[in-house]
Amino acid sequence: MLVIHLGFSGLPKGNATSKRIFLTFKALLLGGYTPVIINKLSLNTKVKPGKVNRHDGIPYIHASPWSNRPDNFLLRNLNKVLGYAGEFLFIAKKRQKIGAAIFYHSSFSELCYYRLLSKIFRFKLIVQYVELRSAITDRQRFFLKLNDRFFDTKLSSYCDGIIVISEYLRNRVLNYNKQVPIVKVPAICNFDEFKLEGGKPENNYLMYCGGIGYVEVIDFVVDVYLELAERKAYDGNLLLAIGGGEDEVARFARLREKIQQSGYSDRIQLFKDVQHDKLIRMYMEAEILMIPLRNHLQDIAGFHHKIGEYTAAAKPIISTDLGEVHTYFEDMKTTILSPNTSKESYIRKLDGILKDKELLARIGKAGHELGLQHLNYLSYVTPLKEFLGKL
């Protein structure tokens, strides 16, 4: 049976969304399905030539005539229209083979469109539900807020099944529709990518990895580190691996200025858009990996992709005792959990454990074992196979 991806384009660019989509489809491939990922829009430049390619064993196609994003405004919009047409024609051509489609996006209008296609061509439509859109505070425009409200409250009426990332989202869906089939797939990772020997870094360091859009969290991490340094509680470095697009120049400039004025600029290293292989090595050579969660619905309802990767690196994680972290991890056994989101709480936790290398190693190993069981994509081959089979 053919299972196709619909919605999010720009694959296989290596962000968290792309990784989750590909790992979901790798699990389906191992479950005996035939996966195909469709890019209806051309969002990237320097794309691998060819309409059909493979990434990590999964075939992906470009539905639009130009695989690279055109610079010309008219060509870019023509390419967009033709991308929708190309996707439609692909689905029409393969309609006898397509058993299911997995929609990954936050557009309610697109969800309605694909629901219509699923009825016309008689395939099952599944939604990947990974965040509570209406909880994202920076989406203040009226139509964005309206879209998010409709998506969060109506999606279960426009699909045949839902893949949720958290218990919060599962319970929310069931509050609106107790009949819709649901399978939970948390923040999954390919643990095989981490079968490397961690080296000995030139300097010990704490590490945070995330997008520049999480400025509030990045500032928090830097402030915690600076306070530890001021108290002489930690003499290692802080490594920040931050991703961001060309439109984030101002935020990167502000972060660099904050580092420069901190008094510890020689001990805070900022890396931008690190290649995945190098990032894995950085994880594996860190002393502690940091992923502070905020007491916001956005963080409670979701499950950060980095947590799966952090456990795969077998290094201790410090986070907040909220949401899915609370569901899976236990303080001082499988991770280091701050009871609240205050800077002082994080400092107390770190100050009390940084010098105990044996305890840190035990926590890192236990977190890795937990991740292998619950956050490895291979653990979801059978659940996804059974979920689609029942549909």
Protein backbone atom coordinates (compact mmCIF):
# COMPACT_ATOMS: atom_id res chain seq x y z
CA MET A 1 0.00 0.00 0.00
CA LEU A 2 1.24 3.46 -0.94
CA VAL A 3 1.35 6.04 1.88
CA ILE A 4 2.04 9.63 0.82
CA HIS A 5 3.07 12.78 2.66
CA LEU A 6 1.02 15.94 2.11
CA GLY A 7 1.32 19.49 3.41
CA PHE A 8 4.76 20.63 4.53
CA SER A 9 7.21 21.27 1.67
CA GLY A 10 10.93 21.94 1.54
CA LEU A 11 11.97 18.38 2.35
CA PRO A 12 14.54 16.97 2.94
CA LYS A 13 15.97 20.15 4.49
CA GLY A 14 17.17 19.03 7.89
CA ASN A 15 15.04 20.76 10.49
CA ALA A 16 13.03 19.05 13.23
CA THR A 17 9.88 18.88 11.08
CA SER A 18 11.75 17.22 8.22
CA LYS A 19 13.35 14.69 10.56
CA ARG A 20 10.04 13.72 12.13
CA ILE A 21 8.39 13.27 8.74
CA PHE A 22 11.21 11.10 7.39
CA LEU A 23 11.46 9.00 10.55
CA THR A 24 7.70 8.40 10.52
CA PHE A 25 7.94 7.23 6.93
CA LYS A 26 11.02 5.08 7.66
CA ALA A 27 8.97 3.32 10.34
CA LEU A 28 6.18 2.79 7.79
CA LEU A 29 8.69 1.43 5.27
CA LEU A 30 9.89 -1.12 7.83
CA GLY A 31 6.24 -1.91 8.52
CA GLY A 32 5.75 -3.03 4.92
CA TYR A 33 4.24 0.11 3.41
CA THR A 34 5.50 2.00 0.35
CA PRO A 35 6.13 5.64 1.38
CA VAL A 36 6.38 8.65 -0.94
CA ILE A 37 6.93 12.24 0.14
CA ILE A 38 5.50 15.01 -2.07
CA ASN A 39 6.93 18.53 -2.15
CA LYS A 40 4.23 20.58 -3.83
CA LEU A 41 6.14 23.85 -3.28
CA SER A 42 9.76 24.72 -4.09
CA LEU A 43 11.03 26.50 -0.98
CA ASN A 44 14.78 25.88 -1.22
CA THR A 45 17.67 26.69 -3.52
CA LYS A 46 20.53 24.36 -4.51
CA VAL A 47 18.17 21.42 -4.53
CA LYS A 48 19.44 18.03 -5.70
CA PRO A 49 18.59 17.76 -9.42
CA GLY A 50 15.82 15.46 -10.58
CA LYS A 51 12.10 15.25 -9.97
CA VAL A 52 12.43 12.07 -7.93
CA ASN A 53 15.17 11.50 -5.36
CA ARG A 54 15.76 9.53 -2.18
CA HIS A 55 16.74 10.68 1.28
CA ASP A 56 17.48 8.21 4.05
CA GLY A 57 15.88 5.48 1.95
CA ILE A 58 12.61 7.37 1.38
CA PRO A 59 11.63 8.58 -2.12
CA TYR A 60 10.56 12.22 -2.42
CA ILE A 61 9.24 14.07 -5.47
CA HIS A 62 8.98 17.68 -6.55
CA ALA A 63 5.51 18.34 -7.95
CA SER A 64 6.32 21.79 -9.35
CA PRO A 65 8.21 22.37 -12.64
CA TRP A 66 11.14 24.15 -10.97
CA SER A 67 12.59 22.22 -8.05
CA ASN A 68 14.67 25.23 -7.01
CA ARG A 69 12.79 28.27 -5.75
CA PRO A 70 12.69 30.82 -8.64
CA ASP A 71 13.99 34.32 -7.92
CA ASN A 72 11.48 35.92 -10.28
CA PHE A 73 8.20 36.85 -8.57
CA LEU A 74 5.97 35.77 -11.46
CA LEU A 75 7.81 32.48 -11.99
CA ARG A 76 7.75 31.79 -8.25
CA ASN A 77 3.96 32.16 -8.07
CA LEU A 78 3.41 30.26 -11.33
CA ASN A 79 5.57 27.47 -9.90
CA LYS A 80 3.41 27.43 -6.77
CA VAL A 81 0.18 27.05 -8.76
CA LEU A 82 1.71 24.35 -10.95
CA GLY A 83 2.98 22.59 -7.83
CA TYR A 84 -0.59 22.17 -6.57
CA ALA A 85 -1.59 20.93 -10.04
CA GLY A 86 1.34 18.50 -10.18
CA GLU A 87 0.49 17.10 -6.76
CA PHE A 88 -3.16 16.66 -7.78
CA LEU A 89 -2.16 14.84 -10.96
CA PHE A 90 0.19 12.54 -9.04
CA ILE A 91 -2.58 11.62 -6.61
CA ALA A 92 -5.05 11.10 -9.46
CA LYS A 93 -2.57 8.88 -11.32
CA LYS A 94 -1.74 6.78 -8.25
CA ARG A 95 -5.27 6.74 -6.80
CA GLN A 96 -5.61 2.96 -7.07
CA LYS A 97 -2.43 2.42 -5.03
CA ILE A 98 -2.73 5.16 -2.39
CA GLY A 99 -4.15 3.73 0.81
CA ALA A 100 -3.40 6.64 3.12
CA ALA A 101 -1.91 10.14 3.25
CA ILE A 102 -0.28 11.77 6.27
CA PHE A 103 -0.85 15.51 6.46
CA TYR A 104 1.76 17.58 8.29
CA HIS A 105 0.96 21.28 8.40
CA SER A 106 -0.99 23.81 10.43
CA SER A 107 -3.19 25.28 7.69
CA PHE A 108 -6.86 24.55 8.29
CA SER A 109 -7.76 25.47 4.71
CA GLU A 110 -5.19 22.94 3.41
CA LEU A 111 -6.60 20.33 5.76
CA CYS A 112 -10.06 20.92 4.28
CA TYR A 113 -8.63 20.70 0.75
CA TYR A 114 -6.88 17.40 1.40
CA ARG A 115 -9.97 16.06 3.14
CA LEU A 116 -11.86 16.73 -0.09
CA LEU A 117 -9.18 14.92 -2.11
CA SER A 118 -9.30 11.97 0.28
CA LYS A 119 -13.04 11.65 -0.34
CA ILE A 120 -12.69 11.99 -4.12
CA PHE A 121 -9.84 9.48 -4.43
CA ARG A 122 -10.88 7.29 -1.50
CA PHE A 123 -7.78 7.20 0.67
CA LYS A 124 -7.50 7.62 4.44
CA LEU A 125 -6.28 11.00 5.69
CA ILE A 126 -4.13 11.07 8.83
CA VAL A 127 -2.95 14.24 10.59
CA GLN A 128 0.38 14.62 12.39
CA TYR A 129 -0.58 16.78 15.38
CA VAL A 130 2.60 18.00 17.06
CA GLU A 131 1.83 21.35 18.64
CA LEU A 132 -1.07 23.37 20.01
CA ARG A 133 -1.15 26.11 17.38
CA SER A 134 -3.42 28.44 19.34
CA ALA A 135 -0.86 28.49 22.19
CA ILE A 136 1.87 30.07 20.03
CA THR A 137 2.01 33.64 21.31
CA ASP A 138 3.78 35.34 18.37
CA ARG A 139 0.98 34.55 15.91
CA GLN A 140 -1.09 37.67 16.60
CA ARG A 141 -2.55 38.44 13.18
CA PHE A 142 -6.32 37.93 13.11
CA PHE A 143 -6.44 35.35 10.31
CA LEU A 144 -3.53 33.36 11.78
CA LYS A 145 -5.26 33.21 15.14
CA LEU A 146 -8.53 32.23 13.46
CA ASN A 147 -6.74 29.48 11.51
CA ASP A 148 -5.07 28.16 14.65
CA ARG A 149 -8.33 28.10 16.60
CA PHE A 150 -10.12 26.19 13.86
CA PHE A 151 -7.20 23.76 13.42
CA ASP A 152 -6.98 22.95 17.12
CA THR A 153 -10.73 22.49 17.59
CA LYS A 154 -11.90 21.01 14.26
CA LEU A 155 -9.08 18.82 12.93
CA SER A 156 -10.57 15.57 14.24
CA SER A 157 -13.67 16.13 12.06
CA TYR A 158 -11.57 16.41 8.89
CA CYS A 159 -9.47 13.26 9.04
CA ASP A 160 -9.63 9.51 9.59
CA GLY A 161 -6.93 9.30 12.25
CA ILE A 162 -4.39 11.38 14.17
CA ILE A 163 -0.74 10.88 15.17
CA VAL A 164 -0.23 12.91 18.35
CA ILE A 165 3.11 13.79 19.91
CA SER A 166 1.94 14.17 23.52
CA GLU A 167 -0.61 13.10 26.10
CA TYR A 168 -1.88 16.68 26.30
CA LEU A 169 -2.76 16.70 22.61
CA ARG A 170 -4.27 13.21 22.81
CA ASN A 171 -6.57 14.30 25.64
CA ARG A 172 -7.45 17.52 23.87
CA VAL A 173 -8.47 15.67 20.70
CA LEU A 174 -10.56 13.20 22.69
CA ASN A 175 -12.38 16.09 24.39
CA TYR A 176 -13.68 17.09 20.95
CA ASN A 177 -14.06 13.65 19.37
CA LYS A 178 -13.88 10.44 21.38
CA GLN A 179 -14.28 8.27 18.28
CA VAL A 180 -11.29 9.34 16.17
CA PRO A 181 -8.44 6.77 16.07
CA ILE A 182 -5.23 8.06 17.69
CA VAL A 183 -1.69 6.77 17.96
CA LYS A 184 0.98 8.51 20.00
CA VAL A 185 4.46 8.93 18.52
CA PRO A 186 6.64 11.14 20.76
CA ALA A 187 9.85 13.02 19.88
CA ILE A 188 11.47 10.24 17.87
CA CYS A 189 15.10 9.97 16.81
CA ASN A 190 17.30 7.64 14.74
CA PHE A 191 19.61 6.22 17.39
CA ASP A 192 21.76 4.55 14.74
CA GLU A 193 23.14 7.99 13.82
CA PHE A 194 24.70 8.23 17.28
CA LYS A 195 26.83 5.10 17.12
CA LEU A 196 30.02 7.13 17.42
CA GLU A 197 32.67 7.33 20.06
CA GLY A 198 32.54 10.65 21.85
CA GLY A 199 35.90 12.37 21.85
CA LYS A 200 37.60 14.44 24.51
CA PRO A 201 36.89 18.12 23.83
CA GLU A 202 39.51 20.82 24.33
CA ASN A 203 37.28 22.37 27.02
CA ASN A 204 34.38 21.00 29.03
CA TYR A 205 31.07 22.63 28.15
CA LEU A 206 27.35 22.80 28.72
CA MET A 207 25.34 22.87 25.50
CA TYR A 208 22.05 24.20 24.18
CA CYS A 209 20.70 23.60 20.68
CA GLY A 210 17.63 25.31 19.23
CA GLY A 211 16.27 27.84 16.77
CA ILE A 212 16.90 31.57 17.09
CA GLY A 213 13.12 31.99 17.33
CA TYR A 214 13.40 30.69 20.92
CA VAL A 215 15.09 33.91 22.04
CA GLU A 216 13.48 33.75 25.47
CA VAL A 217 14.96 30.29 26.09
CA ILE A 218 18.39 31.21 24.68
CA ASP A 219 18.56 34.25 26.97
CA PHE A 220 17.61 32.03 29.90
CA VAL A 221 20.37 29.51 29.11
CA VAL A 222 22.98 32.27 28.82
CA ASP A 223 21.84 33.90 32.07
CA VAL A 224 21.99 30.58 33.95
CA TYR A 225 25.50 29.96 32.65
CA LEU A 226 26.68 33.48 33.53
CA GLU A 227 25.41 33.12 37.09
CA LEU A 228 27.19 29.76 37.46
CA ALA A 229 30.38 31.34 36.18
CA GLU A 230 30.05 34.32 38.54
CA ARG A 231 29.60 31.99 41.49
CA LYS A 232 32.66 29.96 40.41
CA ALA A 233 30.35 26.94 40.28
CA TYR A 234 31.42 26.01 36.74
CA ASP A 235 34.67 26.74 34.96
CA GLY A 236 33.77 25.17 31.62
CA ASN A 237 32.32 26.77 28.51
CA LEU A 238 28.81 27.24 27.12
CA LEU A 239 28.21 26.07 23.57
CA LEU A 240 25.18 27.41 21.67
CA ALA A 241 24.22 25.69 18.40
CA ILE A 242 21.54 27.95 16.95
CA GLY A 243 19.59 27.61 13.71
CA GLY A 244 17.88 30.38 11.82
CA GLY A 245 17.07 31.79 8.42
CA GLU A 246 18.29 34.82 6.52
CA ASP A 247 15.46 36.92 8.02
CA GLU A 248 16.82 36.41 11.55
CA VAL A 249 19.88 38.65 11.20
CA ALA A 250 18.70 41.10 13.88
CA ARG A 251 18.13 38.38 16.47
CA PHE A 252 21.56 36.86 15.86
CA ALA A 253 23.13 40.32 16.15
CA ARG A 254 21.41 40.89 19.50
CA LEU A 255 22.59 37.48 20.77
CA ARG A 256 26.18 38.17 19.71
CA GLU A 257 26.02 41.55 21.47
CA LYS A 258 24.71 39.91 24.65
CA ILE A 259 27.60 37.43 24.58
CA GLN A 260 30.15 40.14 23.87
CA GLN A 261 28.97 42.28 26.79
CA SER A 262 28.67 39.36 29.23
CA GLY A 263 32.26 39.45 30.43
CA TYR A 264 32.60 35.76 29.44
CA SER A 265 32.69 36.04 25.67
CA ASP A 266 35.84 33.90 25.58
CA ARG A 267 33.90 31.04 27.19
CA ILE A 268 30.61 31.25 25.24
CA GLN A 269 30.79 29.77 21.75
CA LEU A 270 28.03 30.47 19.23
CA PHE A 271 27.63 28.20 16.19
CA LYS A 272 25.05 28.90 13.50
CA ASP A 273 23.30 26.24 11.37
CA VAL A 274 25.64 23.38 12.30
CA GLN A 275 25.71 20.35 9.99
CA HIS A 276 23.96 17.35 11.54
CA ASP A 277 27.04 15.10 11.78
CA LYS A 278 29.00 17.81 13.58
CA LEU A 279 26.02 18.51 15.82
CA ILE A 280 25.91 14.87 16.91
CA ARG A 281 29.59 15.05 17.84
CA MET A 282 28.94 18.22 19.86
CA TYR A 283 26.14 16.51 21.78
CA MET A 284 28.30 13.51 22.57
CA GLU A 285 31.18 15.61 23.90
CA ALA A 286 29.08 17.88 26.14
CA GLU A 287 28.92 17.49 29.90
CA ILE A 288 25.24 18.42 30.16
CA LEU A 289 22.67 19.14 27.44
CA MET A 290 20.19 21.91 28.24
CA ILE A 291 16.56 22.10 27.11
CA PRO A 292 14.66 24.46 29.44
CA LEU A 293 10.90 24.26 29.08
CA ARG A 294 8.69 27.25 29.78
CA ASN A 295 5.48 27.00 31.77
CA HIS A 296 3.57 27.75 28.56
CA LEU A 297 0.93 25.64 26.85
CA GLN A 298 3.16 25.57 23.76
CA ASP A 299 5.88 23.68 25.66
CA ILE A 300 3.50 21.57 27.76
CA ALA A 301 1.47 20.39 24.74
CA GLY A 302 4.47 19.69 22.51
CA PHE A 303 7.58 17.56 22.79
CA HIS A 304 10.87 19.07 21.64
CA HIS A 305 12.62 17.03 18.95
CA LYS A 306 15.98 17.77 20.59
CA ILE A 307 15.07 15.71 23.65
CA GLY A 308 15.10 12.55 21.55
CA GLU A 309 18.49 13.47 20.09
CA TYR A 310 19.85 14.39 23.51
CA THR A 311 18.96 10.96 24.93
CA ALA A 312 20.57 9.31 21.90
CA ALA A 313 23.82 11.11 22.77
CA ALA A 314 23.82 9.40 26.21
CA LYS A 315 24.62 12.63 28.03
CA PRO A 316 22.62 13.99 30.99
CA ILE A 317 19.84 16.42 30.16
CA ILE A 318 18.56 19.27 32.31
CA SER A 319 15.00 20.37 31.70
CA THR A 320 11.82 21.44 33.50
CA ASP A 321 9.45 18.99 35.15
CA LEU A 322 6.59 19.71 32.75
CA GLY A 323 4.58 18.07 29.98
CA GLU A 324 6.06 15.05 28.22
CA VAL A 325 9.36 15.40 30.10
CA HIS A 326 7.38 14.76 33.29
CA THR A 327 5.62 11.82 31.58
CA TYR A 328 8.80 10.01 30.56
CA PHE A 329 11.69 11.12 32.80
CA GLU A 330 12.53 10.86 36.49
CA ASP A 331 14.61 13.45 38.29
CA MET A 332 18.20 12.46 39.12
CA LYS A 333 17.69 9.02 37.56
CA THR A 334 17.03 9.48 33.85
CA THR A 335 17.48 13.25 33.68
CA ILE A 336 17.97 16.38 35.79
CA LEU A 337 14.62 18.09 36.35
CA SER A 338 14.09 21.57 37.67
CA PRO A 339 10.83 21.76 39.66
CA ASN A 340 10.01 25.14 38.12
CA THR A 341 11.08 27.54 35.38
CA SER A 342 13.07 29.97 37.53
CA LYS A 343 16.71 30.72 36.86
CA GLU A 344 17.56 30.11 40.51
CA SER A 345 16.01 26.63 40.38
CA TYR A 346 18.19 25.66 37.40
CA ILE A 347 21.29 27.08 39.07
CA ARG A 348 20.63 25.09 42.27
CA LYS A 349 20.20 21.88 40.27
CA LEU A 350 23.39 22.38 38.28
CA ASP A 351 25.47 23.66 41.19
CA GLY A 352 24.67 20.50 43.12
CA ILE A 353 25.63 18.02 40.41
CA LEU A 354 28.29 19.50 38.11
CA LYS A 355 31.22 18.11 40.09
CA ASP A 356 29.78 14.59 40.44
CA LYS A 357 31.01 13.07 37.18
CA GLU A 358 29.99 9.51 38.09
CA LEU A 359 26.39 10.56 38.79
CA LEU A 360 26.27 12.54 35.55
CA ALA A 361 27.47 9.49 33.63
CA ARG A 362 24.81 7.27 35.27
CA ILE A 363 22.05 9.74 34.46
CA GLY A 364 23.23 10.02 30.86
CA LYS A 365 23.30 6.25 30.45
CA ALA A 366 19.87 5.78 32.04
CA GLY A 367 18.41 8.52 29.86
CA HIS A 368 19.86 6.81 26.81
CA GLU A 369 18.23 3.50 27.77
CA LEU A 370 14.90 5.26 28.28
CA GLY A 371 15.29 6.94 24.89
CA LEU A 372 16.04 3.63 23.18
CA GLN A 373 12.79 2.26 24.51
CA HIS A 374 10.48 5.23 24.01
CA LEU A 375 12.09 7.78 21.67
CA ASN A 376 13.69 5.55 19.02
CA TYR A 377 11.70 5.55 15.77
CA LEU A 378 12.13 1.77 15.55
CA SER A 379 9.85 1.44 18.58
CA TYR A 380 6.95 2.74 16.49
CA VAL A 381 7.15 0.42 13.47
CA THR A 382 4.53 -1.94 14.92
CA PRO A 383 2.23 0.72 16.49
CA LEU A 384 2.08 2.67 13.20
CA LYS A 385 1.56 -0.50 11.17
CA GLU A 386 -1.29 -1.59 13.42
CA PHE A 387 -2.77 1.94 13.44
CA LEU A 388 -2.92 2.15 9.64
CA GLY A 389 -4.10 -1.44 9.41
CA LYS A 390 -7.13 -0.68 11.59
CA LEU A 391 -8.04 2.35 9.45
